[in-house]
Every structure is written in structure tokens, then in C-alpha cells.
N, C-alpha and C. Protein backbone atom coordinates (compact mmCIF):
# COMPACT_ATOMS: atom_id res chain seq x y z
N MET A 1 -64.00 -16.04 31.02
CA MET A 1 -62.93 -15.70 30.14
C MET A 1 -63.06 -14.13 29.67
N ASN A 2 -64.42 -13.93 29.23
CA ASN A 2 -64.76 -12.74 28.75
C ASN A 2 -64.40 -11.56 29.79
N SER A 3 -64.58 -11.88 31.13
CA SER A 3 -64.38 -11.04 32.29
C SER A 3 -62.96 -10.82 32.37
N ILE A 4 -62.05 -11.72 32.25
CA ILE A 4 -60.69 -11.78 32.46
C ILE A 4 -60.05 -10.90 31.31
N ALA A 5 -60.51 -11.13 30.12
CA ALA A 5 -60.11 -10.49 29.03
C ALA A 5 -60.32 -8.80 29.06
N ALA A 6 -61.49 -8.68 29.70
CA ALA A 6 -61.85 -7.19 29.96
C ALA A 6 -60.93 -6.61 30.82
N TYR A 7 -60.50 -7.37 31.91
CA TYR A 7 -59.53 -6.85 32.96
C TYR A 7 -58.03 -6.73 32.35
N ILE A 8 -57.65 -7.61 31.54
CA ILE A 8 -56.49 -7.60 30.94
C ILE A 8 -56.47 -6.16 29.98
N PHE A 9 -57.58 -5.91 29.23
CA PHE A 9 -57.60 -4.68 28.51
C PHE A 9 -57.52 -3.54 29.34
N LEU A 10 -58.16 -3.70 30.70
CA LEU A 10 -58.12 -2.50 31.67
C LEU A 10 -56.74 -2.27 31.92
N GLY A 11 -56.00 -3.46 32.15
CA GLY A 11 -54.45 -3.16 32.55
C GLY A 11 -53.78 -2.49 31.53
N VAL A 12 -54.07 -2.93 30.21
CA VAL A 12 -53.37 -2.15 29.17
C VAL A 12 -53.73 -0.65 29.18
N SER A 13 -55.09 -0.38 29.41
CA SER A 13 -55.62 0.99 29.28
C SER A 13 -54.93 1.79 30.47
N LEU A 14 -54.85 1.12 31.61
CA LEU A 14 -54.19 1.98 32.76
C LEU A 14 -52.81 2.25 32.46
N ALA A 15 -51.96 1.46 31.76
CA ALA A 15 -50.65 1.48 31.70
C ALA A 15 -50.35 2.36 30.46
N ALA A 16 -51.27 2.64 29.42
CA ALA A 16 -50.96 3.12 28.13
C ALA A 16 -50.73 4.68 28.10
N PRO A 17 -51.63 5.44 28.79
CA PRO A 17 -51.44 6.79 28.73
C PRO A 17 -50.00 7.26 29.01
N ILE A 18 -49.64 8.15 27.93
CA ILE A 18 -48.24 8.61 27.98
C ILE A 18 -47.99 9.54 29.30
N GLY A 19 -47.08 9.20 30.06
CA GLY A 19 -46.74 9.89 31.16
C GLY A 19 -45.22 9.85 31.53
N PRO A 20 -44.72 10.12 32.50
CA PRO A 20 -43.31 10.23 32.87
C PRO A 20 -42.68 8.73 32.65
N VAL A 21 -43.39 7.80 33.27
CA VAL A 21 -42.86 6.40 33.31
C VAL A 21 -42.58 5.84 31.81
N ASN A 22 -43.58 6.07 31.14
CA ASN A 22 -43.68 5.72 29.64
C ASN A 22 -42.60 6.41 28.82
N ALA A 23 -42.38 7.67 29.20
CA ALA A 23 -41.34 8.58 28.69
C ALA A 23 -39.97 7.90 28.96
N ALA A 24 -39.82 7.69 30.31
CA ALA A 24 -38.56 7.13 30.79
C ALA A 24 -38.12 5.79 30.17
N GLN A 25 -39.15 4.90 30.15
CA GLN A 25 -38.98 3.64 29.50
C GLN A 25 -38.51 3.79 28.01
N LEU A 26 -39.26 4.58 27.24
CA LEU A 26 -38.93 4.84 25.85
C LEU A 26 -37.40 5.27 25.87
N ASP A 27 -37.09 6.22 26.66
CA ASP A 27 -35.57 6.62 26.71
C ASP A 27 -34.61 5.54 26.99
N THR A 28 -35.07 4.71 28.03
CA THR A 28 -34.30 3.55 28.35
C THR A 28 -34.07 2.67 27.14
N GLY A 29 -35.14 2.38 26.58
CA GLY A 29 -35.13 1.43 25.25
C GLY A 29 -34.16 1.83 24.20
N ILE A 30 -34.26 3.20 23.96
CA ILE A 30 -33.50 3.73 22.89
C ILE A 30 -31.98 3.62 23.19
N LYS A 31 -31.68 3.88 24.56
CA LYS A 31 -30.15 3.94 24.88
C LYS A 31 -29.64 2.57 25.12
N ASN A 32 -30.61 1.62 25.62
CA ASN A 32 -29.94 0.23 26.11
C ASN A 32 -30.62 -0.96 25.45
N GLY A 33 -31.73 -0.77 24.59
CA GLY A 33 -32.42 -1.99 24.07
C GLY A 33 -33.63 -2.51 24.73
N PHE A 34 -34.13 -3.61 24.08
CA PHE A 34 -35.46 -4.01 24.54
C PHE A 34 -35.38 -4.58 26.00
N PHE A 35 -34.45 -5.45 26.32
CA PHE A 35 -34.51 -5.94 27.67
C PHE A 35 -34.34 -5.00 28.74
N HIS A 36 -33.63 -3.95 28.62
CA HIS A 36 -33.53 -2.96 29.70
C HIS A 36 -34.76 -2.21 29.71
N ALA A 37 -35.49 -2.00 28.49
CA ALA A 37 -36.70 -1.16 28.64
C ALA A 37 -37.76 -2.21 29.44
N TRP A 38 -37.53 -3.51 29.04
CA TRP A 38 -38.58 -4.40 29.66
C TRP A 38 -38.55 -4.58 31.07
N ILE A 39 -37.20 -4.58 31.56
CA ILE A 39 -36.84 -4.68 32.92
C ILE A 39 -37.22 -3.41 33.69
N PHE A 40 -37.09 -2.20 32.97
CA PHE A 40 -37.58 -0.92 33.56
C PHE A 40 -39.07 -1.06 33.84
N GLY A 41 -39.87 -1.60 32.91
CA GLY A 41 -41.25 -1.70 33.04
C GLY A 41 -41.67 -2.58 34.13
N ILE A 42 -40.79 -3.71 34.27
CA ILE A 42 -41.14 -4.62 35.35
C ILE A 42 -40.80 -3.95 36.74
N GLY A 43 -39.87 -3.10 36.82
CA GLY A 43 -39.56 -2.35 38.08
C GLY A 43 -40.73 -1.54 38.31
N ALA A 44 -41.13 -0.78 37.32
CA ALA A 44 -42.46 0.15 37.54
C ALA A 44 -43.70 -0.62 37.84
N LEU A 45 -43.86 -1.84 37.29
CA LEU A 45 -44.93 -2.82 37.70
C LEU A 45 -44.90 -3.31 39.03
N THR A 46 -43.79 -3.40 39.61
CA THR A 46 -43.51 -3.75 41.09
C THR A 46 -44.06 -2.76 41.94
N ALA A 47 -43.93 -1.50 41.67
CA ALA A 47 -44.36 -0.30 42.51
C ALA A 47 -46.05 -0.24 42.34
N ASP A 48 -46.50 -0.49 40.93
CA ASP A 48 -47.87 -0.63 40.94
C ASP A 48 -48.56 -1.54 41.71
N VAL A 49 -48.00 -2.86 41.68
CA VAL A 49 -48.54 -3.99 42.52
C VAL A 49 -48.48 -3.55 44.01
N LEU A 50 -47.53 -2.88 44.40
CA LEU A 50 -47.40 -2.33 45.79
C LEU A 50 -48.57 -1.43 46.09
N TYR A 51 -48.96 -0.63 45.16
CA TYR A 51 -50.02 0.42 45.56
C TYR A 51 -51.53 -0.41 45.30
N MET A 52 -51.44 -1.43 44.46
CA MET A 52 -52.67 -2.32 44.43
C MET A 52 -52.98 -3.06 45.71
N ILE A 53 -51.84 -3.55 46.35
CA ILE A 53 -52.00 -4.25 47.58
C ILE A 53 -52.50 -3.27 48.62
N MET A 54 -52.02 -1.87 48.58
CA MET A 54 -52.31 -0.97 49.60
C MET A 54 -53.81 -0.76 49.45
N VAL A 55 -54.38 -0.60 48.24
CA VAL A 55 -55.77 -0.24 48.08
C VAL A 55 -56.65 -1.63 48.50
N TYR A 56 -56.08 -2.75 48.11
CA TYR A 56 -56.73 -3.98 48.45
C TYR A 56 -57.16 -4.22 49.86
N PHE A 57 -56.02 -3.78 50.78
CA PHE A 57 -56.13 -3.92 52.14
C PHE A 57 -56.81 -2.61 52.91
N GLY A 58 -57.19 -1.63 51.89
CA GLY A 58 -57.95 -0.46 52.65
C GLY A 58 -56.89 0.44 53.13
N ILE A 59 -55.69 0.57 52.84
CA ILE A 59 -54.78 1.58 53.55
C ILE A 59 -54.55 2.70 52.48
N GLY A 60 -55.17 2.73 51.43
CA GLY A 60 -54.94 3.86 50.45
C GLY A 60 -55.39 5.23 50.90
N GLN A 61 -56.27 5.29 52.00
CA GLN A 61 -56.80 6.56 52.47
C GLN A 61 -55.50 7.43 53.00
N ILE A 62 -54.56 6.88 53.20
CA ILE A 62 -53.34 7.79 53.73
C ILE A 62 -53.13 9.07 52.67
N ILE A 63 -53.27 8.70 51.41
CA ILE A 63 -53.09 9.76 50.48
C ILE A 63 -53.83 11.02 50.48
N GLU A 64 -54.94 10.93 51.37
CA GLU A 64 -55.79 11.97 51.54
C GLU A 64 -55.33 13.05 52.45
N PHE A 65 -54.37 12.66 53.17
CA PHE A 65 -53.92 13.65 54.15
C PHE A 65 -52.97 14.74 53.45
N ASN A 66 -53.14 15.98 53.59
CA ASN A 66 -52.41 17.08 52.90
C ASN A 66 -50.99 16.98 53.04
N PRO A 67 -50.34 16.75 54.23
CA PRO A 67 -49.10 16.70 54.37
C PRO A 67 -48.38 15.54 53.42
N VAL A 68 -49.17 14.44 53.27
CA VAL A 68 -48.64 13.29 52.35
C VAL A 68 -48.84 13.82 50.96
N LYS A 69 -49.72 14.52 50.60
CA LYS A 69 -49.92 14.96 49.08
C LYS A 69 -48.77 15.87 48.82
N ILE A 70 -48.37 16.81 49.76
CA ILE A 70 -47.32 17.72 49.47
C ILE A 70 -45.97 17.10 49.36
N PHE A 71 -45.80 16.10 50.22
CA PHE A 71 -44.63 15.39 50.11
C PHE A 71 -44.34 14.64 48.59
N LEU A 72 -45.49 13.89 48.23
CA LEU A 72 -45.53 13.31 47.06
C LEU A 72 -45.39 14.19 45.81
N TRP A 73 -46.12 15.29 45.83
CA TRP A 73 -45.93 16.28 44.69
C TRP A 73 -44.45 16.89 44.70
N SER A 74 -43.84 17.10 45.87
CA SER A 74 -42.52 17.63 45.97
C SER A 74 -41.52 16.66 45.54
N PHE A 75 -41.67 15.49 46.06
CA PHE A 75 -40.60 14.43 45.68
C PHE A 75 -40.73 14.02 44.17
N GLY A 76 -41.93 13.94 43.74
CA GLY A 76 -42.11 13.66 42.37
C GLY A 76 -41.48 14.69 41.35
N CYS A 77 -41.74 15.90 41.87
CA CYS A 77 -41.18 17.16 41.06
C CYS A 77 -39.50 16.91 41.05
N PHE A 78 -38.99 16.55 42.30
CA PHE A 78 -37.51 16.52 42.22
C PHE A 78 -37.13 15.21 41.35
N VAL A 79 -37.71 14.08 41.62
CA VAL A 79 -37.22 12.98 40.79
C VAL A 79 -37.26 12.95 39.38
N LEU A 80 -38.48 13.66 38.89
CA LEU A 80 -38.58 13.60 37.47
C LEU A 80 -37.89 14.74 36.88
N THR A 81 -37.89 16.01 37.50
CA THR A 81 -36.93 17.04 36.94
C THR A 81 -35.49 16.50 36.92
N TYR A 82 -35.01 15.94 38.09
CA TYR A 82 -33.62 15.41 38.09
C TYR A 82 -33.42 14.43 37.04
N THR A 83 -34.29 13.52 36.68
CA THR A 83 -34.09 12.32 35.71
C THR A 83 -34.04 12.98 34.27
N GLY A 84 -35.05 14.02 34.26
CA GLY A 84 -35.09 14.44 32.72
C GLY A 84 -33.97 15.35 32.37
N ILE A 85 -33.39 16.03 33.39
CA ILE A 85 -32.13 16.88 33.11
C ILE A 85 -30.92 15.92 32.82
N GLU A 86 -30.86 14.93 33.80
CA GLU A 86 -29.79 13.95 33.54
C GLU A 86 -29.75 13.33 32.27
N SER A 87 -30.94 12.97 31.78
CA SER A 87 -31.30 12.24 30.49
C SER A 87 -30.81 13.28 29.23
N LEU A 88 -31.19 14.55 29.40
CA LEU A 88 -30.86 15.49 28.47
C LEU A 88 -29.28 15.63 28.33
N PHE A 89 -28.60 15.50 29.45
CA PHE A 89 -27.13 15.53 29.43
C PHE A 89 -26.43 14.35 29.13
N SER A 90 -27.13 13.30 28.76
CA SER A 90 -26.62 12.05 28.45
C SER A 90 -26.86 11.54 27.08
N GLN A 91 -27.21 12.47 26.21
CA GLN A 91 -27.43 12.09 24.84
C GLN A 91 -26.39 11.42 24.28
N HIS A 92 -25.11 11.71 24.64
CA HIS A 92 -23.98 11.03 24.02
C HIS A 92 -23.88 9.42 24.28
N LYS A 93 -24.69 9.00 24.97
CA LYS A 93 -24.71 7.67 25.57
C LYS A 93 -25.47 6.94 24.36
N ILE A 94 -26.27 7.52 23.64
CA ILE A 94 -26.93 6.85 22.33
C ILE A 94 -25.83 6.57 21.44
N ASP A 95 -24.89 7.42 21.15
CA ASP A 95 -23.80 7.03 20.05
C ASP A 95 -23.06 5.93 20.71
N LEU A 96 -22.61 5.96 22.00
CA LEU A 96 -21.87 4.84 22.49
C LEU A 96 -22.47 3.72 22.45
N ALA A 97 -23.93 3.68 22.95
CA ALA A 97 -24.69 2.52 22.98
C ALA A 97 -24.74 1.72 21.65
N LEU A 98 -24.95 2.61 20.57
CA LEU A 98 -25.17 2.03 19.21
C LEU A 98 -23.72 1.47 18.75
N ARG A 99 -22.61 2.38 19.07
CA ARG A 99 -21.34 1.97 18.38
C ARG A 99 -20.70 0.90 19.22
N PHE A 100 -20.69 0.84 20.52
CA PHE A 100 -20.01 -0.23 21.16
C PHE A 100 -20.93 -1.11 21.96
N ARG A 101 -22.19 -1.04 21.70
CA ARG A 101 -23.08 -1.88 22.46
C ARG A 101 -22.88 -1.74 23.99
N LYS A 102 -22.58 -0.53 24.53
CA LYS A 102 -22.41 -0.33 25.83
C LYS A 102 -23.74 -0.19 26.59
N LYS A 103 -23.94 -0.93 27.61
CA LYS A 103 -25.19 -0.81 28.33
C LYS A 103 -25.13 -0.56 29.77
N THR A 104 -26.05 -0.12 30.43
CA THR A 104 -26.21 -0.02 31.76
C THR A 104 -26.40 -1.33 32.44
N ARG A 105 -26.30 -1.50 33.71
CA ARG A 105 -26.65 -2.67 34.32
C ARG A 105 -28.00 -2.90 34.45
N LEU A 106 -28.65 -4.11 34.42
CA LEU A 106 -29.95 -4.39 34.35
C LEU A 106 -30.58 -4.03 35.77
N ARG A 107 -29.85 -4.23 36.76
CA ARG A 107 -30.27 -3.82 38.15
C ARG A 107 -30.67 -2.21 38.20
N ARG A 108 -29.82 -1.49 37.51
CA ARG A 108 -30.14 -0.15 37.61
C ARG A 108 -31.49 0.17 36.80
N SER A 109 -31.65 -0.45 35.66
CA SER A 109 -32.89 -0.20 34.85
C SER A 109 -33.97 -0.60 35.72
N LEU A 110 -33.96 -1.76 36.45
CA LEU A 110 -34.99 -2.34 37.37
C LEU A 110 -35.28 -1.30 38.49
N LEU A 111 -34.28 -0.73 39.19
CA LEU A 111 -34.46 0.09 40.23
C LEU A 111 -35.11 1.48 39.75
N SER A 112 -34.51 1.80 38.46
CA SER A 112 -34.90 3.39 37.96
C SER A 112 -36.64 3.11 37.60
N GLY A 113 -36.94 1.89 37.05
CA GLY A 113 -38.42 1.80 36.88
C GLY A 113 -39.12 1.79 38.14
N PHE A 114 -38.62 1.05 39.19
CA PHE A 114 -39.43 0.92 40.44
C PHE A 114 -39.53 2.26 41.04
N PHE A 115 -38.40 2.99 41.22
CA PHE A 115 -38.54 4.27 42.00
C PHE A 115 -39.12 5.35 41.16
N MET A 116 -39.25 5.32 39.80
CA MET A 116 -39.84 6.33 39.05
C MET A 116 -41.38 6.15 39.13
N SER A 117 -41.86 4.79 39.18
CA SER A 117 -43.29 4.72 39.46
C SER A 117 -43.66 4.79 40.81
N LEU A 118 -42.76 4.44 41.84
CA LEU A 118 -43.11 4.45 43.31
C LEU A 118 -43.32 5.93 43.80
N LEU A 119 -42.52 6.90 43.06
CA LEU A 119 -42.29 8.29 43.63
C LEU A 119 -43.04 9.08 42.50
N ASN A 120 -43.89 8.63 41.60
CA ASN A 120 -44.60 9.34 40.67
C ASN A 120 -46.05 9.62 41.22
N PRO A 121 -46.39 10.85 41.53
CA PRO A 121 -47.66 11.20 42.00
C PRO A 121 -48.85 10.78 41.12
N LEU A 122 -48.53 10.78 39.73
CA LEU A 122 -49.65 10.28 38.91
C LEU A 122 -49.98 8.85 39.02
N THR A 123 -48.91 8.04 39.15
CA THR A 123 -49.14 6.73 39.34
C THR A 123 -49.79 6.36 40.67
N ILE A 124 -49.48 6.97 41.81
CA ILE A 124 -50.15 6.92 43.10
C ILE A 124 -51.59 7.32 43.02
N LEU A 125 -51.90 8.43 42.54
CA LEU A 125 -53.22 8.99 42.42
C LEU A 125 -54.11 8.07 41.33
N PHE A 126 -53.52 7.68 40.41
CA PHE A 126 -54.08 6.85 39.39
C PHE A 126 -54.51 5.54 39.91
N TRP A 127 -53.64 4.77 40.51
CA TRP A 127 -53.99 3.50 40.94
C TRP A 127 -54.90 3.53 42.27
N LEU A 128 -54.54 4.49 43.17
CA LEU A 128 -55.47 4.46 44.31
C LEU A 128 -56.83 4.95 43.90
N GLY A 129 -56.90 5.82 42.92
CA GLY A 129 -58.16 6.25 42.44
C GLY A 129 -58.86 5.32 41.60
N ILE A 130 -58.34 5.11 40.29
CA ILE A 130 -58.99 4.13 39.31
C ILE A 130 -59.12 2.82 40.04
N TYR A 131 -58.02 2.17 40.38
CA TYR A 131 -58.04 0.76 40.81
C TYR A 131 -59.06 0.44 42.14
N GLY A 132 -59.07 1.62 42.81
CA GLY A 132 -59.79 1.61 44.10
C GLY A 132 -61.29 1.58 43.68
N SER A 133 -61.65 2.24 42.67
CA SER A 133 -63.04 2.42 42.13
C SER A 133 -63.34 1.07 41.38
N VAL A 134 -62.43 0.49 40.64
CA VAL A 134 -62.85 -0.96 40.07
C VAL A 134 -62.96 -1.85 41.17
N LEU A 135 -62.08 -1.93 42.17
CA LEU A 135 -62.33 -2.89 43.26
C LEU A 135 -63.42 -2.63 43.87
N ALA A 136 -63.79 -1.59 44.21
CA ALA A 136 -65.14 -1.36 44.85
C ALA A 136 -66.35 -1.72 44.21
N GLU A 137 -66.42 -1.58 42.73
CA GLU A 137 -67.38 -1.92 41.91
C GLU A 137 -67.51 -3.56 41.82
N ALA A 138 -66.26 -4.13 41.65
CA ALA A 138 -66.07 -5.57 41.48
C ALA A 138 -66.55 -6.34 42.67
N ALA A 139 -66.30 -5.73 43.85
CA ALA A 139 -66.56 -6.36 45.22
C ALA A 139 -67.94 -6.70 45.44
N LYS A 140 -68.80 -5.90 44.75
CA LYS A 140 -70.32 -5.98 44.88
C LYS A 140 -70.75 -7.31 44.43
N GLU A 141 -70.13 -7.85 43.41
CA GLU A 141 -70.69 -9.01 42.81
C GLU A 141 -69.60 -10.13 42.65
N SER A 142 -68.44 -10.01 43.19
CA SER A 142 -67.36 -10.97 43.06
C SER A 142 -66.81 -11.63 44.33
N THR A 143 -66.29 -12.75 44.40
CA THR A 143 -65.80 -13.34 45.67
C THR A 143 -64.27 -12.73 45.70
N ASP A 144 -63.69 -13.14 46.96
CA ASP A 144 -62.32 -12.83 47.03
C ASP A 144 -61.41 -13.39 46.07
N ASN A 145 -61.76 -14.59 45.72
CA ASN A 145 -60.82 -15.26 44.62
C ASN A 145 -60.97 -14.82 43.40
N GLN A 146 -62.26 -14.35 43.00
CA GLN A 146 -62.51 -13.65 41.81
C GLN A 146 -61.76 -12.31 41.70
N LEU A 147 -61.73 -11.53 42.85
CA LEU A 147 -60.99 -10.24 42.90
C LEU A 147 -59.58 -10.35 42.58
N ILE A 148 -58.97 -11.44 43.18
CA ILE A 148 -57.54 -11.71 43.07
C ILE A 148 -57.26 -12.01 41.52
N ILE A 149 -58.15 -12.83 41.08
CA ILE A 149 -57.94 -13.22 39.65
C ILE A 149 -58.01 -12.07 38.65
N ASN A 150 -59.03 -11.15 38.82
CA ASN A 150 -59.28 -9.98 38.06
C ASN A 150 -57.90 -9.02 38.23
N SER A 151 -57.39 -8.88 39.46
CA SER A 151 -56.31 -8.11 39.77
C SER A 151 -55.14 -8.69 39.02
N LEU A 152 -55.02 -9.90 38.99
CA LEU A 152 -53.90 -10.59 38.27
C LEU A 152 -54.10 -10.29 36.70
N ALA A 153 -55.18 -10.34 36.22
CA ALA A 153 -55.45 -10.19 34.85
C ALA A 153 -55.07 -8.53 34.47
N ILE A 154 -55.36 -7.60 35.39
CA ILE A 154 -54.90 -6.24 35.25
C ILE A 154 -53.37 -6.28 35.13
N ILE A 155 -52.64 -7.09 36.08
CA ILE A 155 -51.15 -7.12 36.00
C ILE A 155 -50.80 -7.61 34.70
N VAL A 156 -51.32 -8.67 34.01
CA VAL A 156 -51.00 -9.15 32.84
C VAL A 156 -51.12 -8.14 31.75
N GLY A 157 -52.14 -7.38 31.70
CA GLY A 157 -52.36 -6.18 30.80
C GLY A 157 -51.25 -5.17 30.95
N VAL A 158 -50.91 -4.79 32.12
CA VAL A 158 -49.58 -4.05 32.39
C VAL A 158 -48.45 -4.58 31.68
N ILE A 159 -48.16 -5.84 31.95
CA ILE A 159 -47.05 -6.50 31.47
C ILE A 159 -47.10 -6.57 29.95
N LEU A 160 -48.22 -6.81 29.38
CA LEU A 160 -48.45 -6.67 27.96
C LEU A 160 -48.07 -5.33 27.32
N TRP A 161 -48.53 -4.21 27.93
CA TRP A 161 -48.15 -2.94 27.46
C TRP A 161 -46.53 -2.69 27.77
N ASP A 162 -46.06 -3.14 28.78
CA ASP A 162 -44.63 -2.94 29.06
C ASP A 162 -43.92 -3.63 27.84
N THR A 163 -44.31 -4.81 27.31
CA THR A 163 -43.53 -5.57 26.30
C THR A 163 -43.82 -4.79 24.84
N ILE A 164 -44.97 -4.15 24.71
CA ILE A 164 -45.06 -3.39 23.59
C ILE A 164 -44.05 -2.14 23.61
N MET A 165 -44.17 -1.50 24.85
CA MET A 165 -43.23 -0.37 24.80
C MET A 165 -41.93 -0.65 24.57
N ALA A 166 -41.45 -1.77 25.15
CA ALA A 166 -40.13 -2.14 25.12
C ALA A 166 -39.73 -2.51 23.60
N THR A 167 -40.66 -3.21 22.98
CA THR A 167 -40.59 -3.43 21.52
C THR A 167 -40.36 -2.33 20.46
N ILE A 168 -41.33 -1.22 20.89
CA ILE A 168 -41.31 0.03 20.16
C ILE A 168 -40.10 0.75 20.41
N SER A 169 -39.50 0.74 21.57
CA SER A 169 -38.30 1.64 21.73
C SER A 169 -37.17 0.86 21.21
N SER A 170 -37.05 -0.45 21.25
CA SER A 170 -35.85 -1.15 20.85
C SER A 170 -36.00 -1.16 19.18
N GLY A 171 -37.15 -1.34 18.74
CA GLY A 171 -37.34 -1.23 17.13
C GLY A 171 -36.93 0.19 16.69
N ALA A 172 -37.13 1.17 17.43
CA ALA A 172 -36.77 2.54 17.05
C ALA A 172 -35.26 2.57 16.95
N ARG A 173 -34.65 1.84 17.98
CA ARG A 173 -33.28 2.00 18.12
C ARG A 173 -32.61 1.28 16.95
N ARG A 174 -33.19 0.23 16.38
CA ARG A 174 -32.59 -0.49 15.28
C ARG A 174 -32.94 0.21 14.01
N LEU A 175 -34.03 0.78 13.87
CA LEU A 175 -34.38 1.29 12.53
C LEU A 175 -34.27 2.77 12.28
N LEU A 176 -34.24 3.53 13.32
CA LEU A 176 -34.14 4.95 13.08
C LEU A 176 -32.63 5.38 13.21
N SER A 177 -32.37 6.59 12.61
CA SER A 177 -31.03 7.09 12.50
C SER A 177 -30.83 7.69 14.00
N THR A 178 -29.52 7.73 14.11
CA THR A 178 -29.01 8.36 15.54
C THR A 178 -29.59 9.79 15.78
N LYS A 179 -29.80 10.39 14.72
CA LYS A 179 -30.11 11.87 14.96
C LYS A 179 -31.71 11.87 15.36
N LEU A 180 -32.51 10.83 14.74
CA LEU A 180 -34.01 10.80 15.13
C LEU A 180 -34.05 10.21 16.53
N LEU A 181 -33.23 9.24 16.89
CA LEU A 181 -33.17 8.78 18.23
C LEU A 181 -33.00 9.72 19.26
N LYS A 182 -31.92 10.69 18.98
CA LYS A 182 -31.45 11.77 19.86
C LYS A 182 -32.95 12.71 20.07
N ILE A 183 -33.49 13.04 18.93
CA ILE A 183 -34.67 13.81 19.04
C ILE A 183 -35.84 13.22 19.88
N ILE A 184 -35.99 11.96 19.73
CA ILE A 184 -37.12 11.20 20.50
C ILE A 184 -36.58 11.26 21.98
N SER A 185 -35.44 10.87 22.30
CA SER A 185 -34.68 11.01 23.67
C SER A 185 -34.89 12.30 24.31
N ILE A 186 -34.69 13.38 23.47
CA ILE A 186 -34.84 14.80 24.06
C ILE A 186 -36.32 15.05 24.32
N LEU A 187 -37.15 14.69 23.52
CA LEU A 187 -38.62 14.94 23.75
C LEU A 187 -39.03 14.17 25.00
N SER A 188 -38.63 12.96 25.06
CA SER A 188 -38.90 12.10 26.35
C SER A 188 -38.31 12.75 27.57
N SER A 189 -37.20 13.35 27.53
CA SER A 189 -36.51 14.01 28.64
C SER A 189 -37.30 15.39 29.05
N LEU A 190 -37.65 16.05 27.96
CA LEU A 190 -38.49 17.31 28.23
C LEU A 190 -40.02 16.92 28.72
N ALA A 191 -40.42 15.74 28.49
CA ALA A 191 -41.77 15.33 29.06
C ALA A 191 -41.55 15.04 30.50
N MET A 192 -40.56 14.51 30.95
CA MET A 192 -40.32 14.23 32.24
C MET A 192 -40.00 15.53 33.15
N ILE A 193 -39.25 16.51 32.46
CA ILE A 193 -39.07 17.73 33.12
C ILE A 193 -40.43 18.41 33.26
N GLY A 194 -41.28 18.33 32.08
CA GLY A 194 -42.58 18.99 32.13
C GLY A 194 -43.41 18.49 33.31
N PHE A 195 -43.44 17.20 33.45
CA PHE A 195 -44.24 16.62 34.46
C PHE A 195 -43.68 16.94 35.84
N GLY A 196 -42.44 17.01 35.95
CA GLY A 196 -41.84 17.37 37.25
C GLY A 196 -42.25 18.80 37.55
N ILE A 197 -42.18 19.87 36.71
CA ILE A 197 -42.56 21.27 36.92
C ILE A 197 -44.08 21.14 37.26
N HIS A 198 -44.87 20.42 36.59
CA HIS A 198 -46.28 20.48 36.98
C HIS A 198 -46.51 19.91 38.49
N PHE A 199 -45.80 18.92 38.72
CA PHE A 199 -45.91 18.30 40.17
C PHE A 199 -45.36 19.31 41.17
N GLY A 200 -44.38 20.19 40.76
CA GLY A 200 -43.88 21.24 41.78
C GLY A 200 -44.93 22.29 41.83
N ILE A 201 -45.78 22.65 40.78
CA ILE A 201 -46.68 23.68 40.82
C ILE A 201 -47.87 23.07 41.76
N GLN A 202 -48.17 21.80 41.73
CA GLN A 202 -49.18 21.27 42.47
C GLN A 202 -48.82 21.32 43.88
N ALA A 203 -47.41 21.01 44.26
CA ALA A 203 -46.99 20.91 45.64
C ALA A 203 -47.09 22.47 46.17
N TYR A 204 -46.76 23.29 45.31
CA TYR A 204 -46.90 24.86 45.67
C TYR A 204 -48.35 25.25 46.15
N HIS A 205 -49.27 24.99 45.24
CA HIS A 205 -50.80 25.06 45.49
C HIS A 205 -51.29 24.42 46.86
N ALA A 206 -50.73 23.12 46.91
CA ALA A 206 -51.16 22.42 48.22
C ALA A 206 -50.52 22.97 49.36
N LEU A 207 -49.39 23.71 49.22
CA LEU A 207 -48.71 24.15 50.46
C LEU A 207 -49.16 25.52 50.93
N PHE A 208 -49.59 26.34 49.70
CA PHE A 208 -49.93 27.73 50.09
C PHE A 208 -51.41 27.80 49.59
């Protein structure tokens, strides 16, 4: 049980660092409420699990090829910059959502979370690097069944953080003024654009 608790905590630790996915989830919760933010996180988790499976079956090495890195950095730059700019220009949706309880479809939140995480170079490098190291270390003294249980514990930790983020964003939506919500949303959007620019610079360096 101590081992499982440690891996759950590891899952929370892996998901907690503020990055483009957390920024986008916070923005989703402010505009659409708890359930949309939670579903966004589940979409992101689906991509995380996909990368975990890749590492588990030993096909994560494909990330080491330079053309693949360039593609990931470039696409991450496009997706995050576009999403951040779109979010900046949709601040009026906060007023509409609070006034008329108007929400986007859950399917859109799910797909947004999935593709945001799937095409986020930080997610890819993080999971393939960190989870790969954890898996390699655990494999020395664990059976296959124990590795699967530990991996599921990590997923539980990610879901726990997803719920915390959804609660924070929806709580802010209920408790804070519209002006403050817009400021938080703008900061989240700028964070996404900043990460996008960073990825673009990385792609440039990898290409030249």
C-alpha cells in the first residue's frame, strides 16, 4: 500500500507542474465550469496513457530521431500559439457563460484536452523521459503485474490532480468577479502563447 500511495503521489507530481495543458484546463473551467474542465483533463490523460503504453512496449525511442523532434516542436508551436490567441479573442465568452450558462459541447472539451496533450512536446518528452526512467527502475525489482499496478496508481494520481484543477477553476468561476476571471484567462492564454513561442524556438534550433 505504501508503494501504491507513492506512485499515486508521483502521478500528482507529474501532472502538477504548470504548463500549457494546466493553463488550458484552467481557462476551460473558468469559461465552462467544473465538468468541462474535468473532461478536458480526462482527454489529456488519454494522451498521457497512450505515451505510457508506448514507453511500456519500448517504442518511445522514436522521439530520439531529429526529424521527429522538429515535427513535434513545430506542431506544438502551432497548436499552442493558435489556442492561446483564440482564447485571447474569446474573452467575451466568460460574460456569456456566466450570464446565460452557455457552454461548449463536452466532446469539444474532451478532444481539446486530448490533442493539447498529444501534440504538446513537454508532455511527450516528460512522459517518455520521466516515466521511462521510473519504469526502468521499477522493472529491476517488480513483476509485470506490479508494474501495471504501479502504472495504474500513477494514472489515479493524474486523475486526482485533474479533479483538483477542475475544482479550482470552477470555484474561481463561482467566487471571483468577471474582471478577475478575465485576467486569469488572459494570463492562461499568454502562458500558452509563451510555451508555443518557446517550442518554435526549439524547432528552429533543431532545424538549423
